[in-house]
Amino acid sequence: MFGGSIESGHRDWRHVLIKINQYKDVLNMTKKKSYSPEFREYVVKQIVLDGHKIVDVSQKLDIPYDTLQKWVYRFKKRQKEEAQETQNQLLTASEYKDMYEA
C-alpha cells in the first residue's frame, strides 16, 4: 500500500510512517466536529454580548473562523426575528384606542 518492504531498510519505514501520519492528518481534517447547542450559544454570547473578537475566540477554542461567523449570523438573525415578533404583538396607538373606546 505504501511501498517498501522489510528488507528495504529503516529509511523506507520512516517514509512509510510519515505517509501514514499524512493520511491520518487528511482524515482528521475531513471529520466534522459537533458542538452542542448550549456550547454554541455560550460561545456566540462571548462574541456578541461580551465583545470578544471572533478571531480570538476561534484561536482560543480551535473552532474555524467561518464556523463562528455562521453561528454569530444565525444568533443575530434569531434575535432580530424575536424583536420583530415582539414588536408585531404590540398594539398601535389607534388599535389601543379602538379597544378601550368600544
C-alpha atoms as a PDB file:
ATOM      1  CA  MET A   1       0.000   0.000   0.000  1.00  0.00           C
ATOM      2  CA  PHE A   2       2.702   2.481   0.948  1.00  0.00           C
ATOM      3  CA  GLY A   3       5.571   0.879  -0.916  1.00  0.00           C
ATOM      4  CA  GLY A   4       8.738  -0.573   0.510  1.00  0.00           C
ATOM      5  CA  SER A   5       9.347  -3.816   2.308  1.00  0.00           C
ATOM      6  CA  ILE A   6      11.011  -5.019   5.490  1.00  0.00           C
ATOM      7  CA  GLU A   7      14.189  -5.773   3.555  1.00  0.00           C
ATOM      8  CA  SER A   8      14.414  -2.206   2.198  1.00  0.00           C
ATOM      9  CA  GLY A   9      15.755  -0.912   5.454  1.00  0.00           C
ATOM     10  CA  HIS A  10      14.970   1.559   8.179  1.00  0.00           C
ATOM     11  CA  ARG A  11      14.808   4.625   5.901  1.00  0.00           C
ATOM     12  CA  ASP A  12      11.909   3.244   3.911  1.00  0.00           C
ATOM     13  CA  TRP A  13       9.931   2.510   7.071  1.00  0.00           C
ATOM     14  CA  ARG A  14      10.389   6.058   8.262  1.00  0.00           C
ATOM     15  CA  HIS A  15       8.974   7.178   4.922  1.00  0.00           C
ATOM     16  CA  VAL A  16       6.020   4.806   5.367  1.00  0.00           C
ATOM     17  CA  LEU A  17       5.311   6.172   8.856  1.00  0.00           C
ATOM     18  CA  ILE A  18       5.411   9.728   7.536  1.00  0.00           C
ATOM     19  CA  LYS A  19       2.912   8.783   4.824  1.00  0.00           C
ATOM     20  CA  ILE A  20       0.621   7.104   7.361  1.00  0.00           C
ATOM     21  CA  ASN A  21       0.671  10.238   9.531  1.00  0.00           C
ATOM     22  CA  GLN A  22      -0.108  12.402   6.495  1.00  0.00           C
ATOM     23  CA  TYR A  23      -3.106  10.232   5.647  1.00  0.00           C
ATOM     24  CA  LYS A  24      -4.292  10.413   9.263  1.00  0.00           C
ATOM     25  CA  ASP A  25      -3.985  14.213   9.164  1.00  0.00           C
ATOM     26  CA  VAL A  26      -6.066  14.370   5.998  1.00  0.00           C
ATOM     27  CA  LEU A  27      -8.712  12.124   7.523  1.00  0.00           C
ATOM     28  CA  ASN A  28      -8.828  14.251  10.677  1.00  0.00           C
ATOM     29  CA  MET A  29      -9.270  17.392   8.610  1.00  0.00           C
ATOM     30  CA  THR A  30     -12.331  15.967   6.891  1.00  0.00           C
ATOM     31  CA  LYS A  31     -14.071  14.932  10.118  1.00  0.00           C
ATOM     32  CA  LYS A  32     -16.741  17.395  11.192  1.00  0.00           C
ATOM     33  CA  LYS A  33     -16.738  18.366  14.821  1.00  0.00           C
ATOM     34  CA  SER A  34     -20.092  18.525  16.519  1.00  0.00           C
ATOM     35  CA  TYR A  35     -20.923  21.118  19.147  1.00  0.00           C
ATOM     36  CA  SER A  36     -23.936  21.146  21.441  1.00  0.00           C
ATOM     37  CA  PRO A  37     -26.451  23.970  21.080  1.00  0.00           C
ATOM     38  CA  GLU A  38     -25.614  25.099  24.620  1.00  0.00           C
ATOM     39  CA  PHE A  39     -21.914  25.353  23.776  1.00  0.00           C
ATOM     40  CA  ARG A  40     -22.674  27.270  20.564  1.00  0.00           C
ATOM     41  CA  GLU A  41     -24.851  29.726  22.466  1.00  0.00           C
ATOM     42  CA  TYR A  42     -22.177  30.204  25.137  1.00  0.00           C
ATOM     43  CA  VAL A  43     -19.509  30.897  22.508  1.00  0.00           C
ATOM     44  CA  VAL A  44     -21.715  33.266  20.493  1.00  0.00           C
ATOM     45  CA  LYS A  45     -22.647  35.237  23.600  1.00  0.00           C
ATOM     46  CA  GLN A  46     -18.938  35.703  24.335  1.00  0.00           C
ATOM     47  CA  ILE A  47     -18.649  37.342  20.929  1.00  0.00           C
ATOM     48  CA  VAL A  48     -21.929  39.254  20.641  1.00  0.00           C
ATOM     49  CA  LEU A  49     -22.654  40.241  24.230  1.00  0.00           C
ATOM     50  CA  ASP A  50     -19.202  40.277  25.845  1.00  0.00           C
ATOM     51  CA  GLY A  51     -17.435  41.850  22.857  1.00  0.00           C
ATOM     52  CA  HIS A  52     -14.742  39.243  22.263  1.00  0.00           C
ATOM     53  CA  LYS A  53     -13.328  39.162  18.737  1.00  0.00           C
ATOM     54  CA  ILE A  54     -14.239  36.219  16.535  1.00  0.00           C
ATOM     55  CA  VAL A  55     -10.601  35.686  15.590  1.00  0.00           C
ATOM     56  CA  ASP A  56      -9.541  35.482  19.249  1.00  0.00           C
ATOM     57  CA  VAL A  57     -12.307  33.045  20.190  1.00  0.00           C
ATOM     58  CA  SER A  58     -11.549  30.990  17.085  1.00  0.00           C
ATOM     59  CA  GLN A  59      -7.903  30.614  18.046  1.00  0.00           C
ATOM     60  CA  LYS A  60      -8.588  30.052  21.740  1.00  0.00           C
ATOM     61  CA  LEU A  61     -11.196  27.325  21.212  1.00  0.00           C
ATOM     62  CA  ASP A  62      -9.783  25.903  17.978  1.00  0.00           C
ATOM     63  CA  ILE A  63     -13.028  26.455  16.076  1.00  0.00           C
ATOM     64  CA  PRO A  64     -12.811  27.570  12.443  1.00  0.00           C
ATOM     65  CA  TYR A  65     -13.356  31.308  11.966  1.00  0.00           C
ATOM     66  CA  ASP A  66     -16.052  30.826   9.316  1.00  0.00           C
ATOM     67  CA  THR A  67     -17.961  28.467  11.611  1.00  0.00           C
ATOM     68  CA  LEU A  68     -18.090  31.154  14.299  1.00  0.00           C
ATOM     69  CA  GLN A  69     -19.213  33.710  11.721  1.00  0.00           C
ATOM     70  CA  LYS A  70     -22.139  31.466  10.790  1.00  0.00           C
ATOM     71  CA  TRP A  71     -23.098  30.963  14.434  1.00  0.00           C
ATOM     72  CA  VAL A  72     -22.981  34.717  15.095  1.00  0.00           C
ATOM     73  CA  TYR A  73     -25.010  35.448  11.949  1.00  0.00           C
ATOM     74  CA  ARG A  74     -27.705  32.938  12.956  1.00  0.00           C
ATOM     75  CA  PHE A  75     -27.794  34.266  16.533  1.00  0.00           C
ATOM     76  CA  LYS A  76     -28.207  37.876  15.389  1.00  0.00           C
ATOM     77  CA  LYS A  77     -30.838  36.861  12.834  1.00  0.00           C
ATOM     78  CA  ARG A  78     -32.778  34.987  15.530  1.00  0.00           C
ATOM     79  CA  GLN A  79     -32.538  38.000  17.867  1.00  0.00           C
ATOM     80  CA  LYS A  80     -33.830  40.294  15.122  1.00  0.00           C
ATOM     81  CA  GLU A  81     -36.739  37.944  14.347  1.00  0.00           C
ATOM     82  CA  GLU A  82     -37.660  37.721  18.032  1.00  0.00           C
ATOM     83  CA  ALA A  83     -37.567  41.512  18.365  1.00  0.00           C
ATOM     84  CA  GLN A  84     -39.764  41.851  15.271  1.00  0.00           C
ATOM     85  CA  GLU A  85     -42.216  39.290  16.661  1.00  0.00           C
ATOM     86  CA  THR A  86     -42.387  41.219  19.940  1.00  0.00           C
ATOM     87  CA  GLN A  87     -42.967  44.441  18.017  1.00  0.00           C
ATOM     88  CA  ASN A  88     -45.740  42.796  15.992  1.00  0.00           C
ATOM     89  CA  GLN A  89     -47.513  41.799  19.196  1.00  0.00           C
ATOM     90  CA  LEU A  90     -47.647  45.382  20.484  1.00  0.00           C
ATOM     91  CA  LEU A  91     -50.739  47.401  19.764  1.00  0.00           C
ATOM     92  CA  THR A  92     -50.546  50.592  17.776  1.00  0.00           C
ATOM     93  CA  ALA A  93     -51.977  53.739  19.343  1.00  0.00           C
ATOM     94  CA  SER A  94     -55.094  53.554  17.183  1.00  0.00           C
ATOM     95  CA  GLU A  95     -55.619  49.848  17.990  1.00  0.00           C
ATOM     96  CA  TYR A  96     -55.256  50.593  21.696  1.00  0.00           C
ATOM     97  CA  LYS A  97     -57.717  53.484  21.426  1.00  0.00           C
ATOM     98  CA  ASP A  98     -60.230  51.358  19.477  1.00  0.00           C
ATOM     99  CA  MET A  99     -60.027  48.569  22.009  1.00  0.00           C
ATOM    100  CA  TYR A 100     -60.819  50.769  25.012  1.00  0.00           C
ATOM    101  CA  GLU A 101     -63.338  53.097  23.381  1.00  0.00           C
ATOM    102  CA  ALA A 102     -65.556  50.304  22.089  1.00  0.00           C
END
